Amino acid sequence: MATRDKTTGAPHGGDGKVRAKKHLGQHFLNDENIALKIAGTLTLEGYEKVLEIGPGMGVLTKYLLKKPLLTYVVEIDDESVSYLNAHYPELSQRIVNRDFLKYDIREVMGNDPFAIIGNFPYNISSQILFRMLEMREQVPEFSGMFQKEVAERVCEPKGSKAYGILSVLVQAFYDAEYLFTVSEQVFTPPPKVKSGVLRLRRKTAFRLPCDELLFFKVVKTAFGQRRKTLRNSLKTFGLSDNLKEDSIFDKRPEQLGVDEFIGLTQKIAYDIQTQR
């Protein structure tokens, strides 16, 4: 039976810890060495602020607070927020009790650059990456833990079945590294799959030499029917017969690297323009 913390009034388990909530995809890391290792993935280059997503009971947060960074956390779980306020009072003014996917983080970060880190809930991990891409102008570095297959997919090279939308879009703007694998047994409760830690470092030249909105649309449309050739999967763009004769349209999307998708986007943009 849950009791209430005498300091915060928040409900918690009998051991004083926050209860993991299935609907939030919570699996609390309980291995201090791994938390320290994840915190150590930050290079501290190009930013003075870091945002941790989903800190839970602060196993990673405590190590971020020791770094020469201004640490902010965003946490949707009220119980976790109460726990963090009670155990990390120095952080209390920088705890954002909101849904990261719906909150405009510029309300606290302004236009300053910042890194993102976290032990990310598996059920929204892809959405977190897409949200990060929307903020790429401000995020020079991103690291943290995902379900192993998602972390691998992000870092996957072209040519494999795992290579997909996230692989292309993330690698277009960031250098992606798969760092290490984490066992199920270091979480409470343990998930049913292994986890993987990755690091993304924004490329020096991260602005694409093409229409970026069109690039996103081309990549997502192509992989939406990944078993088809590009000639068939990109029919909705209304491309000219002349362009569709290009040999690139004989390929399937997993055969194209980032540079080839950029070149394809440039060709499509020119084709659309000339048909007007």
Protein backbone atom coordinates (compact mmCIF):
# COMPACT_ATOMS: atom_id res chain seq x y z
CA MET A 1 0.00 0.00 0.00
CA ALA A 2 1.29 3.46 -0.87
CA THR A 3 2.01 6.02 1.85
CA ARG A 4 2.77 9.71 1.67
CA ASP A 5 6.14 11.38 1.98
CA LYS A 6 6.12 13.56 5.10
CA THR A 7 8.25 16.16 3.33
CA THR A 8 6.34 16.48 0.08
CA GLY A 9 2.94 14.91 0.68
CA ALA A 10 3.47 12.82 -2.45
CA PRO A 11 2.40 9.17 -2.53
CA HIS A 12 5.17 6.61 -2.72
CA GLY A 13 5.85 2.95 -2.03
CA GLY A 14 6.67 1.76 1.46
CA ASP A 15 10.40 2.06 0.73
CA GLY A 16 10.09 5.76 -0.07
CA LYS A 17 10.74 5.26 -3.78
CA VAL A 18 8.60 6.35 -6.72
CA ARG A 19 6.35 3.64 -8.12
CA ALA A 20 7.03 2.73 -11.76
CA LYS A 21 3.94 3.43 -13.85
CA LYS A 22 3.29 1.18 -16.81
CA HIS A 23 1.30 3.79 -18.77
CA LEU A 24 4.34 6.09 -18.67
CA GLY A 25 6.71 3.32 -19.76
CA GLN A 26 8.78 3.74 -16.58
CA HIS A 27 11.66 1.37 -15.88
CA PHE A 28 13.96 2.92 -13.28
CA LEU A 29 17.69 2.36 -13.73
CA ASN A 30 19.17 1.06 -10.48
CA ASP A 31 22.83 0.64 -11.46
CA GLU A 32 24.93 3.64 -10.39
CA ASN A 33 27.88 2.65 -12.58
CA ILE A 34 25.76 2.68 -15.72
CA ALA A 35 24.21 6.02 -14.74
CA LEU A 36 27.71 7.45 -14.29
CA LYS A 37 28.74 6.00 -17.66
CA ILE A 38 25.74 7.55 -19.44
CA ALA A 39 26.46 10.94 -17.85
CA GLY A 40 30.02 10.56 -19.11
CA THR A 41 28.86 10.37 -22.73
CA LEU A 42 28.44 14.15 -22.77
CA THR A 43 31.42 15.90 -24.38
CA LEU A 44 30.49 19.35 -22.94
CA GLU A 45 31.37 20.95 -26.28
CA GLY A 46 29.27 23.80 -27.65
CA TYR A 47 26.76 24.19 -24.81
CA GLU A 48 26.48 25.13 -21.15
CA LYS A 49 23.04 23.68 -20.46
CA VAL A 50 21.71 20.13 -20.46
CA LEU A 51 18.12 18.88 -20.44
CA GLU A 52 17.36 15.48 -18.97
CA ILE A 53 14.12 13.90 -20.14
CA GLY A 54 12.31 11.67 -17.64
CA PRO A 55 14.70 11.77 -14.65
CA GLY A 56 12.48 9.58 -12.44
CA MET A 57 14.27 9.38 -9.09
CA GLY A 58 17.39 11.13 -10.31
CA VAL A 59 19.86 8.25 -10.68
CA LEU A 60 21.35 10.01 -13.73
CA THR A 61 20.52 13.52 -12.52
CA LYS A 62 22.90 13.35 -9.56
CA TYR A 63 25.86 12.88 -11.91
CA LEU A 64 24.73 15.64 -14.26
CA LEU A 65 24.61 18.04 -11.31
CA LYS A 66 28.32 17.41 -10.72
CA LYS A 67 29.22 18.62 -14.20
CA PRO A 68 30.01 22.25 -15.15
CA LEU A 69 26.57 22.54 -16.72
CA LEU A 70 23.25 24.11 -15.81
CA THR A 71 20.99 21.06 -15.52
CA TYR A 72 17.27 21.18 -16.31
CA VAL A 73 14.89 18.23 -16.16
CA VAL A 74 11.50 17.70 -17.74
CA GLU A 75 9.27 15.16 -16.00
CA ILE A 76 5.59 14.41 -16.63
CA ASP A 77 5.13 12.26 -13.51
CA ASP A 78 3.95 14.32 -10.51
CA GLU A 79 5.24 11.72 -8.07
CA SER A 80 8.72 11.88 -9.54
CA VAL A 81 8.64 15.68 -9.44
CA SER A 82 7.83 15.59 -5.74
CA TYR A 83 10.65 13.13 -5.14
CA LEU A 84 13.15 15.28 -7.07
CA ASN A 85 12.12 18.42 -5.18
CA ALA A 86 12.65 16.63 -1.88
CA HIS A 87 15.97 14.98 -2.71
CA TYR A 88 17.57 17.53 -5.06
CA PRO A 89 16.57 20.96 -3.68
CA GLU A 90 19.30 22.65 -5.72
CA LEU A 91 17.39 21.56 -8.84
CA SER A 92 13.93 22.68 -7.74
CA GLN A 93 13.81 25.86 -9.86
CA ARG A 94 14.81 23.91 -12.97
CA ILE A 95 12.28 21.09 -12.85
CA VAL A 96 9.72 21.33 -15.65
CA ASN A 97 6.61 19.30 -14.80
CA ARG A 98 5.38 18.95 -18.38
CA ASP A 99 5.14 16.55 -21.31
CA PHE A 100 8.35 17.01 -23.32
CA LEU A 101 6.58 16.12 -26.56
CA LYS A 102 4.04 18.93 -26.15
CA TYR A 103 6.03 21.59 -24.29
CA ASP A 104 7.93 24.45 -25.93
CA ILE A 105 11.25 24.02 -24.12
CA ARG A 106 12.35 27.49 -25.25
CA GLU A 107 10.24 28.80 -22.37
CA VAL A 108 13.09 27.77 -20.07
CA MET A 109 16.05 27.45 -22.48
CA GLY A 110 15.42 30.56 -24.53
CA ASN A 111 17.51 30.37 -27.70
CA ASP A 112 20.57 28.95 -25.94
CA PRO A 113 22.18 25.73 -27.16
CA PHE A 114 21.71 22.71 -24.91
CA ALA A 115 22.36 18.98 -24.86
CA ILE A 116 19.64 16.40 -24.33
CA ILE A 117 20.18 13.26 -22.28
CA GLY A 118 18.04 10.63 -20.61
CA ASN A 119 16.97 7.07 -19.99
CA PHE A 120 14.11 7.44 -22.42
CA PRO A 121 10.73 5.68 -22.07
CA TYR A 122 10.57 3.04 -24.79
CA ASN A 123 6.99 3.87 -25.72
CA ILE A 124 7.86 7.40 -26.88
CA SER A 125 11.55 7.08 -27.79
CA SER A 126 11.07 7.58 -31.54
CA GLN A 127 8.85 10.59 -30.89
CA ILE A 128 11.58 12.08 -28.70
CA LEU A 129 14.04 11.76 -31.58
CA PHE A 130 11.67 13.44 -34.04
CA ARG A 131 11.10 16.24 -31.51
CA MET A 132 14.85 16.62 -31.09
CA LEU A 133 15.25 16.95 -34.86
CA GLU A 134 12.77 19.82 -34.82
CA MET A 135 15.08 21.57 -32.32
CA ARG A 136 18.35 20.67 -34.09
CA GLU A 137 19.40 24.31 -34.37
CA GLN A 138 19.70 24.38 -30.56
CA VAL A 139 20.81 20.81 -29.84
CA PRO A 140 24.47 20.13 -30.67
CA GLU A 141 24.53 16.87 -28.72
CA PHE A 142 22.08 14.16 -27.68
CA SER A 143 22.80 10.97 -25.76
CA GLY A 144 20.97 8.39 -23.75
CA MET A 145 19.36 5.00 -23.50
CA PHE A 146 16.75 3.45 -25.77
CA GLN A 147 15.40 0.02 -26.46
CA LYS A 148 18.40 -1.72 -28.06
CA GLU A 149 16.81 -2.21 -31.46
CA VAL A 150 15.83 1.47 -31.68
CA ALA A 151 19.35 2.63 -30.76
CA GLU A 152 20.79 0.26 -33.37
CA ARG A 153 18.31 1.43 -36.00
CA VAL A 154 19.29 5.07 -35.51
CA CYS A 155 22.95 4.21 -36.12
CA GLU A 156 22.35 1.65 -38.88
CA PRO A 157 24.09 2.14 -42.26
CA LYS A 158 22.20 1.86 -45.54
CA GLY A 159 21.47 -1.53 -47.02
CA SER A 160 19.90 -3.35 -44.08
CA LYS A 161 16.32 -4.14 -43.09
CA ALA A 162 16.73 -2.08 -39.89
CA TYR A 163 17.77 1.03 -41.85
CA GLY A 164 14.81 3.37 -42.12
CA ILE A 165 13.32 6.81 -41.61
CA LEU A 166 15.01 7.50 -38.27
CA SER A 167 18.37 6.30 -39.61
CA VAL A 168 18.31 8.72 -42.55
CA LEU A 169 16.82 11.75 -40.82
CA VAL A 170 19.07 11.56 -37.75
CA GLN A 171 22.22 10.81 -39.75
CA ALA A 172 21.50 13.71 -42.09
CA PHE A 173 22.18 16.14 -39.25
CA TYR A 174 24.15 14.15 -36.65
CA ASP A 175 27.04 11.71 -36.41
CA ALA A 176 25.52 8.69 -34.66
CA GLU A 177 27.42 6.27 -32.40
CA TYR A 178 26.11 3.14 -30.72
CA LEU A 179 28.08 3.10 -27.46
CA PHE A 180 27.11 0.09 -25.35
CA THR A 181 24.38 -2.40 -24.47
CA VAL A 182 22.60 -2.54 -21.10
CA SER A 183 21.07 -5.66 -19.51
CA GLU A 184 17.41 -5.90 -18.54
CA GLN A 185 18.42 -6.76 -14.96
CA VAL A 186 19.59 -3.26 -13.99
CA PHE A 187 16.08 -1.79 -14.08
CA THR A 188 13.13 -1.77 -11.70
CA PRO A 189 10.95 -3.30 -12.99
CA PRO A 190 13.12 -5.06 -15.61
CA PRO A 191 11.92 -4.57 -19.19
CA LYS A 192 11.56 -7.53 -21.54
CA VAL A 193 14.29 -6.30 -23.89
CA LYS A 194 17.86 -5.10 -23.69
CA SER A 195 18.72 -1.41 -23.90
CA GLY A 196 21.32 0.44 -25.93
CA VAL A 197 23.07 3.76 -25.30
CA LEU A 198 23.86 6.05 -28.22
CA ARG A 199 25.36 9.47 -28.73
CA LEU A 200 24.51 11.95 -31.48
CA ARG A 201 26.84 14.85 -32.22
CA ARG A 202 25.57 17.46 -34.65
CA LYS A 203 27.55 17.79 -37.84
CA THR A 204 29.54 20.96 -38.42
CA ALA A 205 27.67 21.47 -41.69
CA PHE A 206 24.22 20.38 -40.54
CA ARG A 207 22.16 22.51 -42.89
CA LEU A 208 21.30 20.48 -45.96
CA PRO A 209 21.96 21.69 -49.52
CA CYS A 210 18.31 21.07 -50.41
CA ASP A 211 14.81 21.97 -49.28
CA GLU A 212 14.81 20.36 -45.81
CA LEU A 213 11.03 20.10 -45.52
CA LEU A 214 10.92 18.35 -48.89
CA PHE A 215 13.80 16.10 -47.78
CA PHE A 216 11.79 14.94 -44.74
CA LYS A 217 8.75 14.33 -46.94
CA VAL A 218 10.73 12.36 -49.54
CA VAL A 219 12.36 10.13 -46.91
CA LYS A 220 9.12 9.42 -45.05
CA THR A 221 7.17 8.76 -48.25
CA ALA A 222 9.85 6.47 -49.66
CA PHE A 223 10.04 4.32 -46.54
CA GLY A 224 6.26 4.33 -46.21
CA GLN A 225 6.31 1.71 -48.96
CA ARG A 226 9.83 0.41 -48.49
CA ARG A 227 9.31 -2.80 -50.50
CA LYS A 228 8.59 -0.80 -53.62
CA THR A 229 11.04 0.96 -55.89
CA LEU A 230 11.21 4.72 -55.59
CA ARG A 231 9.47 5.01 -58.95
CA ASN A 232 6.35 3.52 -57.34
CA SER A 233 6.62 4.76 -53.77
CA LEU A 234 7.08 8.41 -54.83
CA LYS A 235 4.18 8.51 -57.30
CA THR A 236 2.31 11.02 -55.14
CA PHE A 237 4.89 13.70 -56.04
CA GLY A 238 3.59 13.75 -59.63
CA LEU A 239 7.06 13.49 -61.12
CA SER A 240 7.69 13.87 -64.83
CA ASP A 241 8.30 10.81 -66.99
CA ASN A 242 11.71 12.21 -67.84
CA LEU A 243 12.83 12.28 -64.19
CA LYS A 244 11.44 8.81 -63.49
CA GLU A 245 13.80 7.44 -66.14
CA ASP A 246 16.70 8.29 -63.82
CA SER A 247 18.29 5.03 -62.59
CA ILE A 248 17.95 6.10 -58.94
CA PHE A 249 14.21 5.36 -59.22
CA ASP A 250 15.01 1.68 -59.81
CA LYS A 251 16.26 1.46 -56.21
CA ARG A 252 14.44 0.84 -52.95
CA PRO A 253 14.80 3.36 -50.12
CA GLU A 254 17.15 1.26 -47.96
CA GLN A 255 19.68 1.33 -50.82
CA LEU A 256 20.11 5.11 -50.54
CA GLY A 257 22.44 6.83 -48.11
CA VAL A 258 21.91 10.36 -46.78
CA ASP A 259 23.82 12.00 -49.65
CA GLU A 260 21.78 10.07 -52.20
CA PHE A 261 18.53 11.16 -50.54
CA ILE A 262 19.77 14.75 -50.66
CA GLY A 263 20.53 14.37 -54.38
CA LEU A 264 17.10 12.80 -54.94
CA THR A 265 15.42 15.69 -53.13
CA GLN A 266 17.28 18.20 -55.28
CA LYS A 267 16.14 16.42 -58.44
CA ILE A 268 12.53 16.28 -57.26
CA ALA A 269 12.56 19.97 -56.27
CA TYR A 270 13.88 20.93 -59.73
CA ASP A 271 11.33 18.70 -61.43
CA ILE A 272 8.44 20.21 -59.47
CA GLN A 273 9.68 23.72 -60.23
CA THR A 274 10.01 23.12 -63.98
CA GLN A 275 6.50 21.69 -64.21
CA ARG A 276 4.90 24.85 -62.85
